[in-house]
Amino acid sequence: AVCLQGGSAAPAVACLPRFVAFSGDVLPFASHTREVLLRNTGARPAYFRARLTSRAAPSGCGEYEQLWVVSPEEVGLRQEQAQLMATEGPREEFSVALAKVEDAALGLEVYANDGSVVVGAASAGVAEAWNSRCAPHLQLLPGDEILEANGADATPAALRELYGALAAGQELVLRVRRSRAEYLRLPPNYL
């Protein structure tokens, strides 16, 4: 397992394969995976360290294989990843329609990141209901960027105001952008 220790400003530290983790969380780590990319999705600087633990015996060399934790800024992109990003085309954009129902929370946590509005979590309430009934590629995921809300540019201040004014029965239509490089599906037998 990979154990994240350290501190991060809300909402979380994200890693690929895509999981949202909080300080002290233990994440599944597939034995065939050699790299875990950690990324701060909070609004302030964060620090963290990873520890590799295993119940298996060492592979005969007297040591466990090391897990290195680095950021893309430290080492740059691997050549094949840089080529993939250069040929992946534009980012994927889609619409999400959240209908507010009486006594139901919106369930959408967002935060500001360099003037953009980014999804931190979509849990409970209307956002979770959306995710449960739509195709996986249309679900709201941590790291998605909200471009528009009800036709207006999504800024942190505008979105807060819209949330406050949203009454039961009204609909919140979001235009969302996701980088295809950030959206990875895990194989069915991953865990």
N, C-alpha and C. Protein backbone atom coordinates (compact mmCIF):
# COMPACT_ATOMS: atom_id res chain seq x y z
N ALA A 1 0.85 -1.18 0.00
CA ALA A 1 0.00 0.00 0.00
C ALA A 1 0.88 1.23 0.00
N VAL A 2 0.37 2.31 -0.53
CA VAL A 2 1.07 3.58 -0.49
C VAL A 2 0.42 4.42 0.59
N CYS A 3 1.19 4.86 1.54
CA CYS A 3 0.65 5.64 2.65
C CYS A 3 1.09 7.09 2.48
N LEU A 4 0.14 7.98 2.35
CA LEU A 4 0.45 9.40 2.23
C LEU A 4 0.51 9.99 3.63
N GLN A 5 1.58 10.67 3.92
CA GLN A 5 1.69 11.34 5.20
C GLN A 5 2.12 12.76 4.95
N GLY A 6 1.57 13.69 5.69
CA GLY A 6 1.94 15.07 5.50
C GLY A 6 0.72 15.95 5.56
N GLY A 7 0.82 17.11 5.02
CA GLY A 7 -0.29 18.03 5.11
C GLY A 7 -0.63 18.59 3.75
N SER A 8 -1.88 18.84 3.52
CA SER A 8 -2.32 19.48 2.30
C SER A 8 -3.49 20.38 2.64
N ALA A 9 -3.52 21.55 2.04
CA ALA A 9 -4.68 22.42 2.21
C ALA A 9 -5.86 21.74 1.54
N ALA A 10 -7.05 22.01 2.04
CA ALA A 10 -8.25 21.38 1.50
C ALA A 10 -8.32 21.60 0.00
N PRO A 11 -8.88 20.68 -0.79
CA PRO A 11 -9.61 19.55 -0.27
C PRO A 11 -8.81 18.26 -0.18
N ALA A 12 -7.78 18.06 -0.99
CA ALA A 12 -7.17 16.73 -1.00
C ALA A 12 -5.86 16.72 -1.76
N VAL A 13 -5.19 15.62 -1.70
CA VAL A 13 -4.06 15.33 -2.58
C VAL A 13 -4.55 14.25 -3.53
N ALA A 14 -4.34 14.44 -4.82
CA ALA A 14 -4.81 13.47 -5.80
C ALA A 14 -3.62 12.75 -6.40
N CYS A 15 -3.83 11.52 -6.83
CA CYS A 15 -2.77 10.78 -7.48
C CYS A 15 -3.34 9.99 -8.63
N LEU A 16 -2.47 9.58 -9.54
CA LEU A 16 -2.87 8.73 -10.65
C LEU A 16 -2.19 7.39 -10.46
N PRO A 17 -2.86 6.27 -10.59
CA PRO A 17 -4.26 6.12 -10.94
C PRO A 17 -5.16 6.94 -10.02
N ARG A 18 -6.28 7.40 -10.57
CA ARG A 18 -7.08 8.41 -9.92
C ARG A 18 -7.72 7.90 -8.63
N PHE A 19 -7.28 8.47 -7.53
CA PHE A 19 -7.87 8.30 -6.21
C PHE A 19 -7.78 9.65 -5.54
N VAL A 20 -8.68 9.95 -4.66
CA VAL A 20 -8.54 11.16 -3.84
C VAL A 20 -8.17 10.68 -2.46
N ALA A 21 -7.11 11.24 -1.92
CA ALA A 21 -6.60 10.77 -0.63
C ALA A 21 -6.39 11.94 0.29
N PHE A 22 -6.56 11.70 1.54
CA PHE A 22 -6.29 12.69 2.57
C PHE A 22 -5.10 12.23 3.38
N SER A 23 -4.53 13.14 4.14
CA SER A 23 -3.34 12.82 4.92
C SER A 23 -3.58 11.57 5.76
N GLY A 24 -2.65 10.62 5.69
CA GLY A 24 -2.75 9.39 6.46
C GLY A 24 -3.50 8.27 5.76
N ASP A 25 -4.13 8.55 4.61
CA ASP A 25 -4.85 7.51 3.89
C ASP A 25 -3.89 6.47 3.33
N VAL A 26 -4.36 5.25 3.23
CA VAL A 26 -3.59 4.17 2.61
C VAL A 26 -4.29 3.82 1.31
N LEU A 27 -3.55 3.86 0.21
CA LEU A 27 -4.13 3.64 -1.11
C LEU A 27 -3.69 2.29 -1.67
N PRO A 28 -4.55 1.63 -2.46
CA PRO A 28 -4.14 0.38 -3.10
C PRO A 28 -2.98 0.65 -4.06
N PHE A 29 -2.08 -0.27 -4.16
CA PHE A 29 -0.93 -0.13 -5.05
C PHE A 29 -0.72 -1.45 -5.75
N ALA A 30 -1.00 -1.50 -7.05
CA ALA A 30 -0.87 -2.75 -7.81
C ALA A 30 0.60 -3.09 -7.98
N SER A 31 0.90 -4.36 -7.85
CA SER A 31 2.31 -4.79 -7.88
C SER A 31 2.97 -4.48 -9.22
N HIS A 32 2.19 -4.41 -10.30
CA HIS A 32 2.80 -4.13 -11.60
C HIS A 32 3.00 -2.64 -11.84
N THR A 33 2.48 -1.80 -10.96
CA THR A 33 2.63 -0.36 -11.11
C THR A 33 3.97 0.06 -10.52
N ARG A 34 4.71 0.84 -11.24
CA ARG A 34 6.02 1.28 -10.78
C ARG A 34 6.03 2.77 -10.44
N GLU A 35 4.96 3.46 -10.77
CA GLU A 35 4.98 4.90 -10.57
C GLU A 35 3.62 5.37 -10.09
N VAL A 36 3.62 6.22 -9.11
CA VAL A 36 2.41 6.88 -8.64
C VAL A 36 2.68 8.37 -8.72
N LEU A 37 1.82 9.09 -9.43
CA LEU A 37 1.99 10.53 -9.57
C LEU A 37 1.15 11.23 -8.52
N LEU A 38 1.78 11.96 -7.64
CA LEU A 38 1.08 12.71 -6.61
C LEU A 38 0.97 14.15 -7.06
N ARG A 39 -0.19 14.75 -6.82
CA ARG A 39 -0.40 16.12 -7.25
C ARG A 39 -1.21 16.84 -6.19
N ASN A 40 -0.80 18.01 -5.83
CA ASN A 40 -1.55 18.81 -4.86
C ASN A 40 -2.72 19.45 -5.58
N THR A 41 -3.94 19.15 -5.14
CA THR A 41 -5.11 19.77 -5.72
C THR A 41 -5.68 20.83 -4.80
N GLY A 42 -4.95 21.16 -3.75
CA GLY A 42 -5.39 22.19 -2.83
C GLY A 42 -5.01 23.57 -3.31
N ALA A 43 -5.49 24.58 -2.61
CA ALA A 43 -5.25 25.96 -3.00
C ALA A 43 -3.91 26.47 -2.47
N ARG A 44 -3.32 25.78 -1.51
CA ARG A 44 -2.05 26.21 -0.93
C ARG A 44 -1.00 25.12 -1.09
N PRO A 45 0.28 25.47 -0.90
CA PRO A 45 1.33 24.45 -1.05
C PRO A 45 1.12 23.27 -0.10
N ALA A 46 1.57 22.12 -0.52
CA ALA A 46 1.42 20.91 0.29
C ALA A 46 2.74 20.15 0.28
N TYR A 47 2.90 19.30 1.26
CA TYR A 47 4.05 18.41 1.26
C TYR A 47 3.54 17.03 1.63
N PHE A 48 4.19 16.01 1.16
CA PHE A 48 3.79 14.65 1.49
C PHE A 48 4.95 13.73 1.21
N ARG A 49 4.89 12.57 1.80
CA ARG A 49 5.88 11.54 1.52
C ARG A 49 5.13 10.23 1.37
N ALA A 50 5.72 9.30 0.69
CA ALA A 50 5.09 8.00 0.48
C ALA A 50 5.96 6.93 1.09
N ARG A 51 5.31 5.91 1.59
CA ARG A 51 6.02 4.78 2.18
C ARG A 51 5.50 3.51 1.52
N LEU A 52 6.38 2.69 1.02
CA LEU A 52 5.98 1.44 0.39
C LEU A 52 6.02 0.34 1.44
N THR A 53 4.89 -0.34 1.61
CA THR A 53 4.85 -1.47 2.54
C THR A 53 4.42 -2.70 1.76
N SER A 54 4.85 -3.84 2.21
CA SER A 54 4.52 -5.07 1.51
C SER A 54 4.52 -6.22 2.50
N ARG A 55 3.61 -7.17 2.26
CA ARG A 55 3.60 -8.38 3.08
C ARG A 55 4.44 -9.47 2.42
N ALA A 56 4.84 -9.23 1.18
CA ALA A 56 5.63 -10.24 0.46
C ALA A 56 7.09 -10.13 0.86
N ALA A 57 7.79 -11.24 0.70
CA ALA A 57 9.23 -11.26 1.01
C ALA A 57 9.99 -10.50 -0.06
N PRO A 58 11.18 -10.02 0.25
CA PRO A 58 11.99 -9.35 -0.76
C PRO A 58 12.25 -10.28 -1.94
N SER A 59 12.54 -9.69 -3.09
CA SER A 59 12.68 -10.48 -4.31
C SER A 59 14.01 -11.19 -4.44
N GLY A 60 14.74 -11.38 -3.35
CA GLY A 60 15.98 -12.13 -3.40
C GLY A 60 17.21 -11.25 -3.37
N CYS A 61 17.05 -9.96 -3.60
CA CYS A 61 18.21 -9.09 -3.60
C CYS A 61 18.47 -8.52 -2.21
N GLY A 62 17.68 -8.94 -1.24
CA GLY A 62 17.89 -8.48 0.13
C GLY A 62 17.18 -7.18 0.47
N GLU A 63 16.53 -6.58 -0.52
CA GLU A 63 15.83 -5.32 -0.28
C GLU A 63 14.50 -5.34 -1.01
N TYR A 64 13.59 -4.51 -0.53
CA TYR A 64 12.36 -4.29 -1.26
C TYR A 64 12.64 -3.28 -2.36
N GLU A 65 11.90 -3.40 -3.45
CA GLU A 65 12.07 -2.40 -4.51
C GLU A 65 11.61 -1.06 -3.98
N GLN A 66 12.29 -0.02 -4.39
CA GLN A 66 11.97 1.31 -3.90
C GLN A 66 10.83 1.92 -4.70
N LEU A 67 10.06 2.75 -4.03
CA LEU A 67 9.04 3.55 -4.69
C LEU A 67 9.52 4.99 -4.62
N TRP A 68 9.72 5.59 -5.78
CA TRP A 68 10.18 6.97 -5.82
C TRP A 68 8.97 7.87 -6.02
N VAL A 69 8.91 8.93 -5.27
CA VAL A 69 7.83 9.90 -5.41
C VAL A 69 8.45 11.18 -5.94
N VAL A 70 8.04 11.56 -7.14
CA VAL A 70 8.57 12.77 -7.77
C VAL A 70 7.41 13.52 -8.41
N SER A 71 7.64 14.74 -8.77
CA SER A 71 6.62 15.49 -9.49
C SER A 71 7.11 15.70 -10.92
N PRO A 72 6.19 15.91 -11.88
CA PRO A 72 6.61 16.13 -13.27
C PRO A 72 7.57 17.32 -13.39
N GLU A 73 7.41 18.32 -12.52
CA GLU A 73 8.29 19.49 -12.58
C GLU A 73 9.73 19.10 -12.23
N GLU A 74 9.89 18.09 -11.38
CA GLU A 74 11.23 17.69 -10.96
C GLU A 74 11.96 16.90 -12.05
N VAL A 75 11.24 16.07 -12.78
CA VAL A 75 11.91 15.19 -13.73
C VAL A 75 11.48 15.41 -15.17
N GLY A 76 10.48 16.25 -15.39
CA GLY A 76 9.97 16.41 -16.74
C GLY A 76 9.10 15.23 -17.13
N LEU A 77 8.47 15.30 -18.27
CA LEU A 77 7.61 14.22 -18.73
C LEU A 77 8.45 13.14 -19.38
N ARG A 78 8.05 11.89 -19.17
CA ARG A 78 8.70 10.80 -19.91
C ARG A 78 8.42 11.02 -21.39
N GLN A 79 9.28 10.55 -22.24
CA GLN A 79 9.15 10.81 -23.67
C GLN A 79 7.81 10.30 -24.21
N GLU A 80 7.42 9.08 -23.84
CA GLU A 80 6.16 8.53 -24.37
C GLU A 80 4.96 9.30 -23.85
N GLN A 81 5.03 9.82 -22.61
CA GLN A 81 3.92 10.61 -22.07
C GLN A 81 3.84 11.95 -22.79
N ALA A 82 4.98 12.57 -23.07
CA ALA A 82 4.99 13.84 -23.80
C ALA A 82 4.40 13.67 -25.19
N GLN A 83 4.74 12.54 -25.86
CA GLN A 83 4.19 12.28 -27.19
C GLN A 83 2.69 12.07 -27.12
N LEU A 84 2.22 11.35 -26.09
CA LEU A 84 0.79 11.11 -25.93
C LEU A 84 0.06 12.43 -25.74
N MET A 85 0.59 13.31 -24.89
CA MET A 85 -0.07 14.58 -24.62
C MET A 85 -0.07 15.46 -25.86
N ALA A 86 0.97 15.37 -26.69
CA ALA A 86 1.04 16.18 -27.90
C ALA A 86 0.03 15.72 -28.94
N THR A 87 -0.35 14.44 -28.92
CA THR A 87 -1.26 13.91 -29.93
C THR A 87 -2.67 13.67 -29.40
N GLU A 88 -2.92 14.00 -28.15
CA GLU A 88 -4.22 13.64 -27.60
C GLU A 88 -5.34 14.55 -28.06
N GLY A 89 -5.03 15.69 -28.68
CA GLY A 89 -6.06 16.59 -29.15
C GLY A 89 -6.58 17.46 -28.03
N PRO A 90 -7.70 18.14 -28.29
CA PRO A 90 -8.21 19.08 -27.29
C PRO A 90 -8.74 18.34 -26.07
N ARG A 91 -8.88 19.09 -25.01
CA ARG A 91 -9.46 18.51 -23.81
C ARG A 91 -10.93 18.21 -24.05
N GLU A 92 -11.42 17.24 -23.34
CA GLU A 92 -12.80 16.81 -23.47
C GLU A 92 -13.71 17.76 -22.70
N GLU A 93 -14.77 18.25 -23.35
CA GLU A 93 -15.75 19.11 -22.68
C GLU A 93 -17.11 18.44 -22.74
N PHE A 94 -17.90 18.63 -21.68
CA PHE A 94 -19.23 18.05 -21.63
C PHE A 94 -20.10 18.89 -20.70
N SER A 95 -21.41 18.67 -20.76
CA SER A 95 -22.35 19.41 -19.92
C SER A 95 -22.91 18.52 -18.83
N VAL A 96 -23.20 19.14 -17.71
CA VAL A 96 -23.79 18.45 -16.56
C VAL A 96 -24.99 19.28 -16.12
N ALA A 97 -26.15 18.64 -15.97
CA ALA A 97 -27.36 19.34 -15.53
C ALA A 97 -27.76 18.82 -14.16
N LEU A 98 -27.61 19.65 -13.15
CA LEU A 98 -27.95 19.27 -11.78
C LEU A 98 -29.25 19.96 -11.39
N ALA A 99 -30.30 19.18 -11.16
CA ALA A 99 -31.59 19.73 -10.76
C ALA A 99 -31.69 19.70 -9.24
N LYS A 100 -31.87 20.85 -8.65
CA LYS A 100 -31.94 20.95 -7.18
C LYS A 100 -33.31 20.48 -6.72
N VAL A 101 -33.32 19.56 -5.79
CA VAL A 101 -34.56 19.06 -5.21
C VAL A 101 -34.64 19.55 -3.76
N GLU A 102 -35.86 19.70 -3.29
CA GLU A 102 -36.06 20.20 -1.93
C GLU A 102 -35.36 19.32 -0.91
N ASP A 103 -34.73 19.93 0.06
CA ASP A 103 -34.04 19.26 1.17
C ASP A 103 -32.85 18.39 0.73
N ALA A 104 -32.41 18.51 -0.51
CA ALA A 104 -31.25 17.74 -0.95
C ALA A 104 -30.06 18.69 -1.12
N ALA A 105 -28.94 18.28 -0.59
CA ALA A 105 -27.72 19.08 -0.75
C ALA A 105 -27.23 18.97 -2.19
N LEU A 106 -26.54 20.00 -2.64
CA LEU A 106 -25.98 19.95 -3.99
C LEU A 106 -24.87 18.90 -4.05
N GLY A 107 -24.06 18.81 -3.02
CA GLY A 107 -23.03 17.77 -2.94
C GLY A 107 -21.85 17.98 -3.86
N LEU A 108 -21.62 19.21 -4.27
CA LEU A 108 -20.51 19.51 -5.17
C LEU A 108 -19.53 20.43 -4.46
N GLU A 109 -18.34 19.93 -4.19
CA GLU A 109 -17.30 20.74 -3.55
C GLU A 109 -16.36 21.24 -4.63
N VAL A 110 -16.13 22.55 -4.64
CA VAL A 110 -15.24 23.15 -5.64
C VAL A 110 -14.22 24.03 -4.93
N TYR A 111 -13.16 24.36 -5.63
CA TYR A 111 -12.16 25.28 -5.09
C TYR A 111 -11.57 26.08 -6.25
N ALA A 112 -10.97 27.20 -5.91
CA ALA A 112 -10.35 28.06 -6.91
C ALA A 112 -8.92 27.62 -7.15
N ASN A 113 -8.52 27.63 -8.41
CA ASN A 113 -7.14 27.28 -8.77
C ASN A 113 -6.71 28.20 -9.91
N ASP A 114 -5.92 29.21 -9.60
CA ASP A 114 -5.46 30.19 -10.59
C ASP A 114 -6.62 30.81 -11.37
N GLY A 115 -7.67 31.19 -10.67
CA GLY A 115 -8.82 31.83 -11.30
C GLY A 115 -9.83 30.87 -11.89
N SER A 116 -9.51 29.59 -11.96
CA SER A 116 -10.44 28.59 -12.46
C SER A 116 -11.19 27.97 -11.29
N VAL A 117 -12.34 27.39 -11.61
CA VAL A 117 -13.11 26.66 -10.61
C VAL A 117 -12.93 25.18 -10.90
N VAL A 118 -12.43 24.45 -9.91
CA VAL A 118 -12.09 23.04 -10.10
C VAL A 118 -12.89 22.19 -9.13
N VAL A 119 -13.38 21.04 -9.60
CA VAL A 119 -14.14 20.12 -8.76
C VAL A 119 -13.19 19.46 -7.78
N GLY A 120 -13.53 19.54 -6.49
CA GLY A 120 -12.77 18.83 -5.46
C GLY A 120 -13.38 17.48 -5.17
N ALA A 121 -14.72 17.44 -5.10
CA ALA A 121 -15.43 16.19 -4.84
C ALA A 121 -16.88 16.36 -5.26
N ALA A 122 -17.49 15.27 -5.67
CA ALA A 122 -18.92 15.22 -5.98
C ALA A 122 -19.49 14.08 -5.18
N SER A 123 -19.93 14.40 -3.96
CA SER A 123 -20.39 13.33 -3.08
C SER A 123 -21.67 13.75 -2.38
N ALA A 124 -22.55 12.81 -2.24
CA ALA A 124 -23.85 13.01 -1.59
C ALA A 124 -24.70 13.99 -2.40
N GLY A 125 -25.96 13.93 -2.20
CA GLY A 125 -26.87 14.89 -2.81
C GLY A 125 -27.00 14.77 -4.31
N VAL A 126 -27.27 15.92 -4.93
CA VAL A 126 -27.59 15.98 -6.35
C VAL A 126 -26.41 15.56 -7.23
N ALA A 127 -25.20 15.98 -6.88
CA ALA A 127 -24.03 15.63 -7.69
C ALA A 127 -23.78 14.12 -7.69
N GLU A 128 -23.94 13.49 -6.54
CA GLU A 128 -23.75 12.04 -6.47
C GLU A 128 -24.83 11.31 -7.28
N ALA A 129 -26.06 11.83 -7.25
CA ALA A 129 -27.14 11.23 -8.04
C ALA A 129 -26.82 11.32 -9.53
N TRP A 130 -26.28 12.47 -9.96
CA TRP A 130 -25.87 12.62 -11.36
C TRP A 130 -24.83 11.56 -11.73
N ASN A 131 -23.80 11.43 -10.90
CA ASN A 131 -22.73 10.48 -11.19
C ASN A 131 -23.22 9.04 -11.23
N SER A 132 -24.23 8.71 -10.42
CA SER A 132 -24.70 7.32 -10.37
C SER A 132 -25.55 6.94 -11.58
N ARG A 133 -26.12 7.93 -12.26
CA ARG A 133 -27.01 7.58 -13.37
C ARG A 133 -26.44 7.90 -14.76
N CYS A 134 -25.26 8.51 -14.84
CA CYS A 134 -24.73 8.84 -16.16
C CYS A 134 -23.52 7.97 -16.50
N ALA A 135 -23.13 8.02 -17.75
CA ALA A 135 -21.98 7.24 -18.22
C ALA A 135 -20.72 7.71 -17.51
N PRO A 136 -19.74 6.81 -17.29
CA PRO A 136 -18.53 7.18 -16.55
C PRO A 136 -17.79 8.40 -17.11
N HIS A 137 -17.77 8.56 -18.44
CA HIS A 137 -17.02 9.69 -19.00
C HIS A 137 -17.75 11.02 -18.81
N LEU A 138 -19.00 10.99 -18.33
CA LEU A 138 -19.75 12.22 -18.06
C LEU A 138 -19.88 12.52 -16.57
N GLN A 139 -19.27 11.71 -15.73
CA GLN A 139 -19.34 11.94 -14.29
C GLN A 139 -18.46 13.11 -13.89
N LEU A 140 -18.86 13.80 -12.83
CA LEU A 140 -18.03 14.86 -12.25
C LEU A 140 -16.94 14.20 -11.42
N LEU A 141 -15.68 14.47 -11.77
CA LEU A 141 -14.55 13.86 -11.08
C LEU A 141 -13.65 14.94 -10.50
N PRO A 142 -12.95 14.63 -9.41
CA PRO A 142 -11.99 15.59 -8.87
C PRO A 142 -10.98 16.00 -9.94
N GLY A 143 -10.73 17.30 -10.03
CA GLY A 143 -9.80 17.82 -11.03
C GLY A 143 -10.48 18.37 -12.27
N ASP A 144 -11.78 18.06 -12.48
CA ASP A 144 -12.50 18.63 -13.61
C ASP A 144 -12.60 20.14 -13.43
N GLU A 145 -12.48 20.87 -14.53
CA GLU A 145 -12.57 22.33 -14.48
C GLU A 145 -13.96 22.76 -14.93
N ILE A 146 -14.63 23.59 -14.13
CA ILE A 146 -15.95 24.11 -14.49
C ILE A 146 -15.74 25.40 -15.28
N LEU A 147 -16.18 25.40 -16.55
CA LEU A 147 -15.98 26.55 -17.43
C LEU A 147 -17.13 27.53 -17.36
N GLU A 148 -18.37 27.01 -17.33
CA GLU A 148 -19.57 27.86 -17.31
C GLU A 148 -20.59 27.28 -16.35
N ALA A 149 -21.38 28.18 -15.79
CA ALA A 149 -22.51 27.78 -14.95
C ALA A 149 -23.72 28.56 -15.42
N ASN A 150 -24.73 27.86 -15.90
CA ASN A 150 -25.94 28.46 -16.47
C ASN A 150 -25.60 29.53 -17.51
N GLY A 151 -24.63 29.23 -18.38
CA GLY A 151 -24.29 30.10 -19.49
C GLY A 151 -23.31 31.21 -19.19
N ALA A 152 -23.00 31.44 -17.93
CA ALA A 152 -22.06 32.50 -17.55
C ALA A 152 -20.71 31.89 -17.20
N ASP A 153 -19.64 32.66 -17.44
CA ASP A 153 -18.30 32.19 -17.07
C ASP A 153 -18.27 31.82 -15.60
N ALA A 154 -17.66 30.70 -15.31
CA ALA A 154 -17.58 30.22 -13.92
C ALA A 154 -16.34 30.82 -13.27
N THR A 155 -16.58 31.72 -12.34
CA THR A 155 -15.52 32.24 -11.48
C THR A 155 -15.88 31.82 -10.07
N PRO A 156 -14.93 31.77 -9.16
CA PRO A 156 -15.27 31.37 -7.79
C PRO A 156 -16.39 32.21 -7.19
N ALA A 157 -16.34 33.53 -7.38
CA ALA A 157 -17.36 34.41 -6.80
C ALA A 157 -18.73 34.18 -7.45
N ALA A 158 -18.75 34.04 -8.78
CA ALA A 158 -20.02 33.84 -9.49
C ALA A 158 -20.66 32.51 -9.10
N LEU A 159 -19.85 31.48 -8.93
CA LEU A 159 -20.38 30.17 -8.57
C LEU A 159 -20.96 30.18 -7.16
N ARG A 160 -20.29 30.85 -6.23
CA ARG A 160 -20.81 30.97 -4.86
C ARG A 160 -22.16 31.66 -4.86
N GLU A 161 -22.26 32.73 -5.64
CA GLU A 161 -23.51 33.49 -5.72
C GLU A 161 -24.62 32.63 -6.32
N LEU A 162 -24.28 31.85 -7.35
CA LEU A 162 -25.26 30.99 -8.00
C LEU A 162 -25.73 29.89 -7.06
N TYR A 163 -24.82 29.31 -6.28
CA TYR A 163 -25.19 28.30 -5.30
C TYR A 163 -26.19 28.86 -4.30
N GLY A 164 -25.91 30.08 -3.83
CA GLY A 164 -26.78 30.70 -2.84
C GLY A 164 -28.17 30.98 -3.37
N ALA A 165 -28.26 31.33 -4.65
CA ALA A 165 -29.55 31.68 -5.25
C ALA A 165 -30.32 30.47 -5.76
N LEU A 166 -29.67 29.33 -5.81
CA LEU A 166 -30.30 28.14 -6.36
C LEU A 166 -31.40 27.64 -5.43
N ALA A 167 -32.63 27.68 -5.90
CA ALA A 167 -33.76 27.22 -5.09
C ALA A 167 -34.21 25.85 -5.57
N ALA A 168 -35.04 25.22 -4.77
CA ALA A 168 -35.57 23.90 -5.13
C ALA A 168 -36.27 23.96 -6.47
N GLY A 169 -36.03 22.96 -7.30
CA GLY A 169 -36.68 22.89 -8.59
C GLY A 169 -35.89 23.55 -9.71
N GLN A 170 -34.91 24.37 -9.37
CA GLN A 170 -34.10 25.01 -10.40
C GLN A 170 -32.99 24.07 -10.86
N GLU A 171 -32.46 24.38 -12.02
CA GLU A 171 -31.42 23.53 -12.59
C GLU A 171 -30.12 24.31 -12.71
N LEU A 172 -29.03 23.65 -12.41
CA LEU A 172 -27.70 24.22 -12.56
C LEU A 172 -27.02 23.46 -13.69
N VAL A 173 -26.78 24.16 -14.81
CA VAL A 173 -26.15 23.53 -15.97
C VAL A 173 -24.70 23.98 -16.02
N LEU A 174 -23.80 23.01 -15.94
CA LEU A 174 -22.37 23.29 -15.93
C LEU A 174 -21.73 22.81 -17.23
N ARG A 175 -20.82 23.60 -17.76
CA ARG A 175 -19.97 23.12 -18.85
C ARG A 175 -18.63 22.80 -18.22
N VAL A 176 -18.19 21.56 -18.39
CA VAL A 176 -17.04 21.02 -17.67
C VAL A 176 -15.96 20.59 -18.67
N ARG A 177 -14.70 20.78 -18.29
CA ARG A 177 -13.59 20.35 -19.14
C ARG A 177 -12.70 19.39 -18.35
N ARG A 178 -12.31 18.31 -19.02
CA ARG A 178 -11.42 17.33 -18.40
C ARG A 178 -10.28 17.04 -19.38
N SER A 179 -9.07 17.03 -18.88
CA SER A 179 -7.93 16.65 -19.70
C SER A 179 -7.97 15.14 -19.89
N ARG A 180 -7.88 14.69 -21.11
CA ARG A 180 -7.93 13.24 -21.37
C ARG A 180 -6.77 12.53 -20.71
N ALA A 181 -5.65 13.22 -20.55
CA ALA A 181 -4.50 12.58 -19.90
C ALA A 181 -4.76 12.35 -18.42
N GLU A 182 -5.66 13.16 -17.83
CA GLU A 182 -5.94 13.02 -16.40
C GLU A 182 -6.99 11.95 -16.12
N TYR A 183 -7.78 11.57 -17.13
CA TYR A 183 -8.86 10.62 -16.90
C TYR A 183 -8.40 9.24 -17.33
N LEU A 184 -8.11 8.43 -16.39
CA LEU A 184 -7.65 7.07 -16.68
C LEU A 184 -8.63 6.09 -16.08
N ARG A 185 -9.02 5.10 -16.85
CA ARG A 185 -9.87 4.05 -16.29
C ARG A 185 -9.00 2.92 -15.80
N LEU A 186 -9.31 2.43 -14.63
CA LEU A 186 -8.57 1.29 -14.10
C LEU A 186 -9.12 0.02 -14.71
N PRO A 187 -8.28 -0.97 -14.99
CA PRO A 187 -8.80 -2.23 -15.50
C PRO A 187 -9.72 -2.87 -14.47
N PRO A 188 -10.72 -3.67 -14.93
CA PRO A 188 -11.70 -4.25 -14.01
C PRO A 188 -11.08 -5.09 -12.91
N ASN A 189 -9.95 -5.71 -13.16
CA ASN A 189 -9.33 -6.57 -12.15
C ASN A 189 -8.26 -5.84 -11.35
N TYR A 190 -8.29 -4.50 -11.33
CA TYR A 190 -7.22 -3.71 -10.70
C TYR A 190 -7.11 -3.96 -9.21
N LEU A 191 -8.24 -3.98 -8.49
CA LEU A 191 -8.17 -4.11 -7.03
C LEU A 191 -8.30 -5.55 -6.60
